Amino acid sequence: MESSYDDKPISLSETITNQQMPLISPSCQLVDEILGLDISQMTPMEAINKLYELQNKACEAK
């Protein structure tokens, strides 16, 4: 009896990669803004304010 599947084993990471949808589109403006942040130069208060701002933008984009 012949198998309908390839004989090549598939790794778990390959299976997850092939089935998992991206959480955020790479072209998303929020991603670009996050990648442009210089976190090491931010004060804790600046970081919290920026996080709040990004959260509001994400909620508006829904």
C-alpha atoms as a PDB file:
ATOM      1  CA  MET A   1       0.000   0.000   0.000  1.00  0.00           C
ATOM      2  CA  GLU A   2       1.466   3.344  -1.054  1.00  0.00           C
ATOM      3  CA  SER A   3       1.506   6.368   1.218  1.00  0.00           C
ATOM      4  CA  SER A   4      -0.013   9.605  -0.037  1.00  0.00           C
ATOM      5  CA  TYR A   5       2.493  11.592   2.025  1.00  0.00           C
ATOM      6  CA  ASP A   6       6.075  12.426   1.153  1.00  0.00           C
ATOM      7  CA  ASP A   7       8.609  10.187   2.797  1.00  0.00           C
ATOM      8  CA  LYS A   8      10.584  13.263   3.874  1.00  0.00           C
ATOM      9  CA  PRO A   9      10.008  13.988   7.585  1.00  0.00           C
ATOM     10  CA  ILE A  10       8.963  17.533   8.478  1.00  0.00           C
ATOM     11  CA  SER A  11      10.376  19.191  11.572  1.00  0.00           C
ATOM     12  CA  LEU A  12       8.086  20.722  14.193  1.00  0.00           C
ATOM     13  CA  SER A  13       9.474  24.229  13.593  1.00  0.00           C
ATOM     14  CA  GLU A  14       8.891  23.842   9.860  1.00  0.00           C
ATOM     15  CA  THR A  15       5.292  22.802  10.525  1.00  0.00           C
ATOM     16  CA  ILE A  16       4.673  25.740  12.847  1.00  0.00           C
ATOM     17  CA  THR A  17       6.290  28.177  10.415  1.00  0.00           C
ATOM     18  CA  ASN A  18       4.179  26.914   7.533  1.00  0.00           C
ATOM     19  CA  GLN A  19       0.922  27.175   9.485  1.00  0.00           C
ATOM     20  CA  GLN A  20       1.366  30.237  11.671  1.00  0.00           C
ATOM     21  CA  MET A  21      -0.069  33.533  10.457  1.00  0.00           C
ATOM     22  CA  PRO A  22       1.973  36.646  11.193  1.00  0.00           C
ATOM     23  CA  LEU A  23       0.788  38.574  14.243  1.00  0.00           C
ATOM     24  CA  ILE A  24       1.504  41.913  12.632  1.00  0.00           C
ATOM     25  CA  SER A  25       1.940  42.710   8.968  1.00  0.00           C
ATOM     26  CA  PRO A  26       5.565  43.684   8.276  1.00  0.00           C
ATOM     27  CA  SER A  27       4.376  46.815   6.472  1.00  0.00           C
ATOM     28  CA  CYS A  28       2.403  48.014   9.477  1.00  0.00           C
ATOM     29  CA  GLN A  29       3.208  51.594  10.484  1.00  0.00           C
ATOM     30  CA  LEU A  30       3.294  50.595  14.154  1.00  0.00           C
ATOM     31  CA  VAL A  31       6.052  48.091  13.474  1.00  0.00           C
ATOM     32  CA  ASP A  32       8.054  50.740  11.636  1.00  0.00           C
ATOM     33  CA  GLU A  33       7.571  53.151  14.519  1.00  0.00           C
ATOM     34  CA  ILE A  34       8.624  50.544  17.101  1.00  0.00           C
ATOM     35  CA  LEU A  35      11.705  49.604  15.097  1.00  0.00           C
ATOM     36  CA  GLY A  36      12.646  53.278  14.862  1.00  0.00           C
ATOM     37  CA  LEU A  37      12.654  53.782  18.628  1.00  0.00           C
ATOM     38  CA  ASP A  38      15.950  54.224  20.445  1.00  0.00           C
ATOM     39  CA  ILE A  39      14.811  52.534  23.634  1.00  0.00           C
ATOM     40  CA  SER A  40      18.200  52.744  25.344  1.00  0.00           C
ATOM     41  CA  GLN A  41      18.010  56.555  25.195  1.00  0.00           C
ATOM     42  CA  MET A  42      14.466  56.808  26.603  1.00  0.00           C
ATOM     43  CA  THR A  43      13.653  57.592  30.208  1.00  0.00           C
ATOM     44  CA  PRO A  44      11.213  55.238  31.952  1.00  0.00           C
ATOM     45  CA  MET A  45       8.500  57.925  31.718  1.00  0.00           C
ATOM     46  CA  GLU A  46       9.144  58.437  27.974  1.00  0.00           C
ATOM     47  CA  ALA A  47       8.959  54.680  27.447  1.00  0.00           C
ATOM     48  CA  ILE A  48       5.644  54.391  29.309  1.00  0.00           C
ATOM     49  CA  ASN A  49       4.184  57.344  27.394  1.00  0.00           C
ATOM     50  CA  LYS A  50       5.320  55.895  24.061  1.00  0.00           C
ATOM     51  CA  LEU A  51       3.851  52.504  24.967  1.00  0.00           C
ATOM     52  CA  TYR A  52       0.539  54.172  25.823  1.00  0.00           C
ATOM     53  CA  GLU A  53       0.621  56.078  22.512  1.00  0.00           C
ATOM     54  CA  LEU A  54       1.342  52.902  20.527  1.00  0.00           C
ATOM     55  CA  GLN A  55      -1.417  51.031  22.351  1.00  0.00           C
ATOM     56  CA  ASN A  56      -3.924  53.766  21.446  1.00  0.00           C
ATOM     57  CA  LYS A  57      -2.827  53.647  17.793  1.00  0.00           C
ATOM     58  CA  ALA A  58      -3.210  49.856  17.772  1.00  0.00           C
ATOM     59  CA  CYS A  59      -6.726  50.098  19.230  1.00  0.00           C
ATOM     60  CA  GLU A  60      -7.709  52.713  16.634  1.00  0.00           C
ATOM     61  CA  ALA A  61      -6.415  50.479  13.836  1.00  0.00           C
ATOM     62  CA  LYS A  62      -8.726  47.602  14.820  1.00  0.00           C
END
